[in-house]
PDB file of N, CA and C in Angstrom:
ATOM      1  N   MET A   1     130.557 118.513 107.115  1.00  0.00           N
ATOM      2  CA  MET A   1     130.052 117.958 105.979  1.00  0.00           C
ATOM      3  C   MET A   1     129.517 119.223 105.111  1.00  0.00           C
ATOM      4  N   SER A   2     129.783 119.203 104.056  1.00  0.00           N
ATOM      5  CA  SER A   2     129.576 120.183 102.865  1.00  0.00           C
ATOM      6  C   SER A   2     128.096 120.049 102.362  1.00  0.00           C
ATOM      7  N   HIS A   3     127.465 121.372 102.102  1.00  0.00           N
ATOM      8  CA  HIS A   3     126.340 121.095 101.605  1.00  0.00           C
ATOM      9  C   HIS A   3     125.746 120.293 100.629  1.00  0.00           C
ATOM     10  N   GLN A   4     126.803 120.043  99.731  1.00  0.00           N
ATOM     11  CA  GLN A   4     126.507 118.982  98.425  1.00  0.00           C
ATOM     12  C   GLN A   4     126.415 117.678  98.937  1.00  0.00           C
ATOM     13  N   GLN A   5     127.173 117.271 100.145  1.00  0.00           N
ATOM     14  CA  GLN A   5     127.216 116.140 100.771  1.00  0.00           C
ATOM     15  C   GLN A   5     125.603 115.856 101.289  1.00  0.00           C
ATOM     16  N   GLN A   6     125.281 116.719 101.908  1.00  0.00           N
ATOM     17  CA  GLN A   6     124.052 116.717 102.632  1.00  0.00           C
ATOM     18  C   GLN A   6     122.762 116.739 101.741  1.00  0.00           C
ATOM     19  N   GLN A   7     122.820 117.594 100.547  1.00  0.00           N
ATOM     20  CA  GLN A   7     121.996 117.355  99.575  1.00  0.00           C
ATOM     21  C   GLN A   7     121.815 115.945  98.906  1.00  0.00           C
ATOM     22  N   GLY A   8     122.991 115.241  98.776  1.00  0.00           N
ATOM     23  CA  GLY A   8     123.192 113.938  98.088  1.00  0.00           C
ATOM     24  C   GLY A   8     122.509 112.898  99.152  1.00  0.00           C
ATOM     25  N   ARG A   9     122.856 113.115 100.344  1.00  0.00           N
ATOM     26  CA  ARG A   9     122.052 112.264 101.272  1.00  0.00           C
ATOM     27  C   ARG A   9     120.495 112.401 101.429  1.00  0.00           C
ATOM     28  N   ASP A  10     120.221 113.670 101.195  1.00  0.00           N
ATOM     29  CA  ASP A  10     118.625 114.002 101.255  1.00  0.00           C
ATOM     30  C   ASP A  10     117.835 113.155 100.012  1.00  0.00           C
ATOM     31  N   GLU A  11     118.833 113.465  99.038  1.00  0.00           N
ATOM     32  CA  GLU A  11     118.416 112.913  97.571  1.00  0.00           C
ATOM     33  C   GLU A  11     118.057 111.260  97.600  1.00  0.00           C
ATOM     34  N   ALA A  12     119.181 110.599  98.312  1.00  0.00           N
ATOM     35  CA  ALA A  12     119.108 109.033  98.628  1.00  0.00           C
ATOM     36  C   ALA A  12     118.123 108.761  99.517  1.00  0.00           C
ATOM     37  N   TRP A  13     117.898 109.723 100.507  1.00  0.00           N
ATOM     38  CA  TRP A  13     116.955 109.175 101.499  1.00  0.00           C
ATOM     39  C   TRP A  13     115.419 109.233 100.864  1.00  0.00           C
ATOM     40  N   LYS A  14     115.255 110.261 100.033  1.00  0.00           N
ATOM     41  CA  LYS A  14     113.983 110.494  99.268  1.00  0.00           C
ATOM     42  C   LYS A  14     113.592 109.552  98.559  1.00  0.00           C
ATOM     43  N   ALA A  15     114.771 108.872  97.642  1.00  0.00           N
ATOM     44  CA  ALA A  15     114.639 107.813  96.866  1.00  0.00           C
ATOM     45  C   ALA A  15     114.271 106.476  97.581  1.00  0.00           C
ATOM     46  N   ARG A  16     114.847 106.212  98.703  1.00  0.00           N
ATOM     47  CA  ARG A  16     114.534 105.035  99.545  1.00  0.00           C
ATOM     48  C   ARG A  16     113.227 105.513  99.884  1.00  0.00           C
ATOM     49  N   ARG A  17     112.725 106.581 100.444  1.00  0.00           N
ATOM     50  CA  ARG A  17     111.296 106.700 100.821  1.00  0.00           C
ATOM     51  C   ARG A  17     110.288 106.287  99.926  1.00  0.00           C
ATOM     52  N   ARG A  18     110.618 106.704  98.505  1.00  0.00           N
ATOM     53  CA  ARG A  18     109.617 106.550  97.465  1.00  0.00           C
ATOM     54  C   ARG A  18     109.677 105.208  97.135  1.00  0.00           C
ATOM     55  N   GLN A  19     110.789 104.439  97.072  1.00  0.00           N
ATOM     56  CA  GLN A  19     110.622 103.090  96.888  1.00  0.00           C
ATOM     57  C   GLN A  19     109.972 102.322  97.913  1.00  0.00           C
ATOM     58  N   ALA A  20     110.061 102.692  99.010  1.00  0.00           N
ATOM     59  CA  ALA A  20     109.239 102.103 100.276  1.00  0.00           C
ATOM     60  C   ALA A  20     108.015 102.192 100.219  1.00  0.00           C
ATOM     61  N   GLY A  21     107.695 103.442  99.685  1.00  0.00           N
ATOM     62  CA  GLY A  21     106.187 103.760  99.498  1.00  0.00           C
ATOM     63  C   GLY A  21     105.461 103.048  98.377  1.00  0.00           C
ATOM     64  N   ILE A  22     106.225 102.727  97.365  1.00  0.00           N
ATOM     65  CA  ILE A  22     105.656 101.979  96.238  1.00  0.00           C
ATOM     66  C   ILE A  22     105.581 100.563  96.745  1.00  0.00           C
ATOM     67  N   LEU A  23     106.574 100.087  97.400  1.00  0.00           N
ATOM     68  CA  LEU A  23     106.285  98.475  97.766  1.00  0.00           C
ATOM     69  C   LEU A  23     105.339  98.365  98.901  1.00  0.00           C
ATOM     70  N   ALA A  24     104.978  99.616  99.810  1.00  0.00           N
ATOM     71  CA  ALA A  24     103.989  99.451 100.412  1.00  0.00           C
ATOM     72  C   ALA A  24     102.467  99.358  99.713  1.00  0.00           C
ATOM     73  N   PHE A  25     102.461 100.322  98.937  1.00  0.00           N
ATOM     74  CA  PHE A  25     101.379 100.211  97.983  1.00  0.00           C
ATOM     75  C   PHE A  25     101.033  99.089  97.391  1.00  0.00           C
ATOM     76  N   VAL A  26     101.828  98.393  96.616  1.00  0.00           N
ATOM     77  CA  VAL A  26     101.664  97.141  96.152  1.00  0.00           C
ATOM     78  C   VAL A  26     101.329  96.024  96.980  1.00  0.00           C
ATOM     79  N   ALA A  27     102.032  96.039  98.052  1.00  0.00           N
ATOM     80  CA  ALA A  27     101.737  94.939  99.098  1.00  0.00           C
ATOM     81  C   ALA A  27     100.453  95.340  99.667  1.00  0.00           C
ATOM     82  N   GLY A  28      99.916  96.549  99.892  1.00  0.00           N
ATOM     83  CA  GLY A  28      98.561  96.454 100.274  1.00  0.00           C
ATOM     84  C   GLY A  28      97.701  96.399  99.399  1.00  0.00           C
ATOM     85  N   LEU A  29      97.761  96.616  98.038  1.00  0.00           N
ATOM     86  CA  LEU A  29      96.870  96.417  96.963  1.00  0.00           C
ATOM     87  C   LEU A  29      96.681  94.879  96.797  1.00  0.00           C
ATOM     88  N   VAL A  30      97.825  94.265  96.765  1.00  0.00           N
ATOM     89  CA  VAL A  30      97.728  92.743  96.430  1.00  0.00           C
ATOM     90  C   VAL A  30      97.272  92.035  97.580  1.00  0.00           C
ATOM     91  N   GLY A  31      97.565  92.214  98.689  1.00  0.00           N
ATOM     92  CA  GLY A  31      97.281  91.656  99.987  1.00  0.00           C
ATOM     93  C   GLY A  31      95.734  91.474 100.132  1.00  0.00           C
ATOM     94  N   THR A  32      95.117  92.768  99.592  1.00  0.00           N
ATOM     95  CA  THR A  32      93.683  93.120 100.033  1.00  0.00           C
ATOM     96  C   THR A  32      93.201  92.336  98.886  1.00  0.00           C
ATOM     97  N   LEU A  33      93.459  92.335  97.564  1.00  0.00           N
ATOM     98  CA  LEU A  33      92.831  91.499  96.361  1.00  0.00           C
ATOM     99  C   LEU A  33      92.894  90.290  96.770  1.00  0.00           C
ATOM    100  N   ILE A  34      93.994  89.550  97.566  1.00  0.00           N
ATOM    101  CA  ILE A  34      94.120  88.020  97.807  1.00  0.00           C
ATOM    102  C   ILE A  34      93.147  87.969  98.917  1.00  0.00           C
ATOM    103  N   PHE A  35      92.876  88.680  99.857  1.00  0.00           N
ATOM    104  CA  PHE A  35      91.935  88.464 100.892  1.00  0.00           C
ATOM    105  C   PHE A  35      90.437  88.342 100.233  1.00  0.00           C
ATOM    106  N   PHE A  36      90.219  89.447  99.342  1.00  0.00           N
ATOM    107  CA  PHE A  36      88.572  89.206  98.820  1.00  0.00           C
ATOM    108  C   PHE A  36      88.815  88.150  97.803  1.00  0.00           C
ATOM    109  N   GLY A  37      89.654  87.642  97.281  1.00  0.00           N
ATOM    110  CA  GLY A  37      89.611  86.616  96.367  1.00  0.00           C
ATOM    111  C   GLY A  37      89.387  85.089  96.970  1.00  0.00           C
ATOM    112  N   PHE A  38      90.377  84.870  98.137  1.00  0.00           N
ATOM    113  CA  PHE A  38      90.335  83.549  98.629  1.00  0.00           C
ATOM    114  C   PHE A  38      89.791  83.272  99.915  1.00  0.00           C
ATOM    115  N   PHE A  39      89.420  84.464 100.554  1.00  0.00           N
ATOM    116  CA  PHE A  39      88.851  84.313 102.188  1.00  0.00           C
ATOM    117  C   PHE A  39      87.504  83.613 102.245  1.00  0.00           C
ATOM    118  N   PRO A  40      87.560  82.489 102.961  1.00  0.00           N
ATOM    119  CA  PRO A  40      86.571  81.651 102.859  1.00  0.00           C
ATOM    120  C   PRO A  40      85.224  82.532 103.391  1.00  0.00           C
ATOM    121  N   GLY A  41      83.966  82.008 102.654  1.00  0.00           N
ATOM    122  CA  GLY A  41      82.754  82.787 103.275  1.00  0.00           C
ATOM    123  C   GLY A  41      82.277  84.078 102.365  1.00  0.00           C
ATOM    124  N   LEU A  42      83.363  84.579 101.631  1.00  0.00           N
ATOM    125  CA  LEU A  42      83.137  85.603 100.875  1.00  0.00           C
ATOM    126  C   LEU A  42      82.801  85.283  99.521  1.00  0.00           C
ATOM    127  N   PRO A  43      82.194  85.925  98.744  1.00  0.00           N
ATOM    128  CA  PRO A  43      81.902  85.521  97.238  1.00  0.00           C
ATOM    129  C   PRO A  43      83.404  85.554  96.485  1.00  0.00           C
ATOM    130  N   HIS A  44      83.720  84.575  95.978  1.00  0.00           N
ATOM    131  CA  HIS A  44      84.843  84.593  95.267  1.00  0.00           C
ATOM    132  C   HIS A  44      85.107  85.381  94.017  1.00  0.00           C
ATOM    133  N   VAL A  45      84.858  86.694  93.968  1.00  0.00           N
ATOM    134  CA  VAL A  45      84.773  87.665  92.896  1.00  0.00           C
ATOM    135  C   VAL A  45      85.336  88.594  93.087  1.00  0.00           C
ATOM    136  N   ILE A  46      86.118  89.190  92.284  1.00  0.00           N
ATOM    137  CA  ILE A  46      86.715  90.634  92.432  1.00  0.00           C
ATOM    138  C   ILE A  46      85.929  91.478  91.551  1.00  0.00           C
ATOM    139  N   ASP A  47      85.068  92.543  92.264  1.00  0.00           N
ATOM    140  CA  ASP A  47      84.297  93.379  91.835  1.00  0.00           C
ATOM    141  C   ASP A  47      84.755  94.665  91.861  1.00  0.00           C
ATOM    142  N   SER A  48      84.344  95.623  91.406  1.00  0.00           N
ATOM    143  CA  SER A  48      84.507  97.025  91.479  1.00  0.00           C
ATOM    144  C   SER A  48      84.854  97.428  92.870  1.00  0.00           C
ATOM    145  N   GLY A  49      83.831  97.064  93.853  1.00  0.00           N
ATOM    146  CA  GLY A  49      84.111  97.521  95.163  1.00  0.00           C
ATOM    147  C   GLY A  49      85.445  96.954  95.920  1.00  0.00           C
ATOM    148  N   ALA A  50      85.633  95.604  95.528  1.00  0.00           N
ATOM    149  CA  ALA A  50      86.981  95.156  96.170  1.00  0.00           C
ATOM    150  C   ALA A  50      88.030  96.062  95.476  1.00  0.00           C
ATOM    151  N   ILE A  51      88.041  96.208  94.165  1.00  0.00           N
ATOM    152  CA  ILE A  51      89.398  97.029  93.498  1.00  0.00           C
ATOM    153  C   ILE A  51      89.361  98.263  94.211  1.00  0.00           C
ATOM    154  N   ILE A  52      88.226  99.168  94.470  1.00  0.00           N
ATOM    155  CA  ILE A  52      88.369 100.368  95.168  1.00  0.00           C
ATOM    156  C   ILE A  52      88.921 100.445  96.672  1.00  0.00           C
ATOM    157  N   VAL A  53      88.474  99.229  97.353  1.00  0.00           N
ATOM    158  CA  VAL A  53      88.913  99.082  98.658  1.00  0.00           C
ATOM    159  C   VAL A  53      90.568  98.830  98.591  1.00  0.00           C
ATOM    160  N   SER A  54      91.118  97.897  97.655  1.00  0.00           N
ATOM    161  CA  SER A  54      92.243  97.714  97.607  1.00  0.00           C
ATOM    162  C   SER A  54      93.167  98.813  97.279  1.00  0.00           C
ATOM    163  N   LEU A  55      92.564  99.663  96.655  1.00  0.00           N
ATOM    164  CA  LEU A  55      93.210 100.938  96.083  1.00  0.00           C
ATOM    165  C   LEU A  55      93.434 101.699  97.436  1.00  0.00           C
ATOM    166  N   ALA A  56      92.351 101.776  98.213  1.00  0.00           N
ATOM    167  CA  ALA A  56      92.314 102.709  99.349  1.00  0.00           C
ATOM    168  C   ALA A  56      93.326 101.999 100.415  1.00  0.00           C
ATOM    169  N   VAL A  57      93.225 100.599 100.427  1.00  0.00           N
ATOM    170  CA  VAL A  57      94.100 100.017 101.507  1.00  0.00           C
ATOM    171  C   VAL A  57      95.630 100.224 101.191  1.00  0.00           C
ATOM    172  N   GLY A  58      95.778 100.083  99.778  1.00  0.00           N
ATOM    173  CA  GLY A  58      97.237 100.402  99.160  1.00  0.00           C
ATOM    174  C   GLY A  58      97.708 101.844  99.475  1.00  0.00           C
ATOM    175  N   THR A  59      96.740 102.838  99.259  1.00  0.00           N
ATOM    176  CA  THR A  59      97.172 104.264  99.514  1.00  0.00           C
ATOM    177  C   THR A  59      97.582 104.462 101.196  1.00  0.00           C
ATOM    178  N   LEU A  60      96.618 103.814 101.936  1.00  0.00           N
ATOM    179  CA  LEU A  60      96.866 103.760 103.273  1.00  0.00           C
ATOM    180  C   LEU A  60      98.164 103.421 103.771  1.00  0.00           C
ATOM    181  N   ALA A  61      98.557 102.041 103.107  1.00  0.00           N
ATOM    182  CA  ALA A  61      99.754 101.332 103.433  1.00  0.00           C
ATOM    183  C   ALA A  61     101.031 102.281 103.273  1.00  0.00           C
ATOM    184  N   ARG A  62     100.797 102.857 102.022  1.00  0.00           N
ATOM    185  CA  ARG A  62     101.899 103.846 101.502  1.00  0.00           C
ATOM    186  C   ARG A  62     102.010 105.095 102.393  1.00  0.00           C
ATOM    187  N   TRP A  63     100.978 105.701 102.722  1.00  0.00           N
ATOM    188  CA  TRP A  63     100.921 106.915 103.611  1.00  0.00           C
ATOM    189  C   TRP A  63     101.617 106.539 104.877  1.00  0.00           C
ATOM    190  N   ALA A  64     101.128 105.289 105.555  1.00  0.00           N
ATOM    191  CA  ALA A  64     101.752 104.932 106.800  1.00  0.00           C
ATOM    192  C   ALA A  64     103.078 104.718 106.786  1.00  0.00           C
ATOM    193  N   CYS A  65     103.765 103.829 105.803  1.00  0.00           N
ATOM    194  CA  CYS A  65     105.041 103.650 105.576  1.00  0.00           C
ATOM    195  C   CYS A  65     105.825 104.926 105.525  1.00  0.00           C
ATOM    196  N   GLN A  66     105.419 105.829 104.476  1.00  0.00           N
ATOM    197  CA  GLN A  66     106.249 107.050 104.434  1.00  0.00           C
ATOM    198  C   GLN A  66     106.207 107.963 105.627  1.00  0.00           C
ATOM    199  N   SER A  67     105.119 108.019 106.412  1.00  0.00           N
ATOM    200  CA  SER A  67     105.263 108.920 107.445  1.00  0.00           C
ATOM    201  C   SER A  67     105.994 108.346 108.456  1.00  0.00           C
ATOM    202  N   ARG A  68     105.950 106.994 108.742  1.00  0.00           N
ATOM    203  CA  ARG A  68     106.780 106.269 109.719  1.00  0.00           C
ATOM    204  C   ARG A  68     108.222 106.316 109.500  1.00  0.00           C
ATOM    205  N   MET A  69     108.539 106.368 108.192  1.00  0.00           N
ATOM    206  CA  MET A  69     110.004 106.780 107.799  1.00  0.00           C
ATOM    207  C   MET A  69     110.272 108.054 108.279  1.00  0.00           C
ATOM    208  N   THR A  70     109.434 109.071 107.786  1.00  0.00           N
ATOM    209  CA  THR A  70     109.700 110.565 108.073  1.00  0.00           C
ATOM    210  C   THR A  70     110.074 110.617 109.521  1.00  0.00           C
ATOM    211  N   LYS A  71     109.080 110.038 110.161  1.00  0.00           N
ATOM    212  CA  LYS A  71     108.942 110.305 111.840  1.00  0.00           C
ATOM    213  C   LYS A  71     110.474 109.730 112.335  1.00  0.00           C
ATOM    214  N   LYS A  72     110.775 108.393 111.821  1.00  0.00           N
ATOM    215  CA  LYS A  72     112.119 108.029 112.383  1.00  0.00           C
ATOM    216  C   LYS A  72     113.220 108.703 111.961  1.00  0.00           C
ATOM    217  N   ARG A  73     113.089 109.376 110.954  1.00  0.00           N
ATOM    218  CA  ARG A  73     114.224 110.206 110.410  1.00  0.00           C
ATOM    219  C   ARG A  73     114.526 111.406 111.432  1.00  0.00           C
ATOM    220  N   ASN A  74     113.399 112.211 111.617  1.00  0.00           N
ATOM    221  CA  ASN A  74     113.249 113.301 112.401  1.00  0.00           C
ATOM    222  C   ASN A  74     113.695 113.180 114.032  1.00  0.00           C
ATOM    223  N   GLU A  75     113.528 111.936 114.390  1.00  0.00           N
ATOM    224  CA  GLU A  75     114.028 111.809 115.813  1.00  0.00           C
ATOM    225  C   GLU A  75     115.164 111.938 116.151  1.00  0.00           C
ATOM    226  N   PRO A  76     115.530 112.641 117.462  1.00  0.00           N
ATOM    227  CA  PRO A  76     116.790 112.740 117.813  1.00  0.00           C
ATOM    228  C   PRO A  76     117.517 111.537 118.229  1.00  0.00           C
ATOM    229  N   MET A  77     118.755 111.483 118.001  1.00  0.00           N
ATOM    230  CA  MET A  77     119.258 110.207 118.205  1.00  0.00           C
ATOM    231  C   MET A  77     119.972 110.328 119.386  1.00  0.00           C
TER     232      MET A  77
END
């Protein structure tokens, strides 16, 4: 395999990793906002604390997704 082909595969993998990270961030963010908005027993108000927690959960989900993808890629087959 030539260096150019390997570089093309690396770029494609990075693009998939970036897209998966974005999707994980959005899923974490929206899921947490839905939890705070509709979970019984909680005040049904989305305040600044809920938004900050949602951003933190989204960031954590993105990090977990991307680190898992990197770990799977680097495992020997």
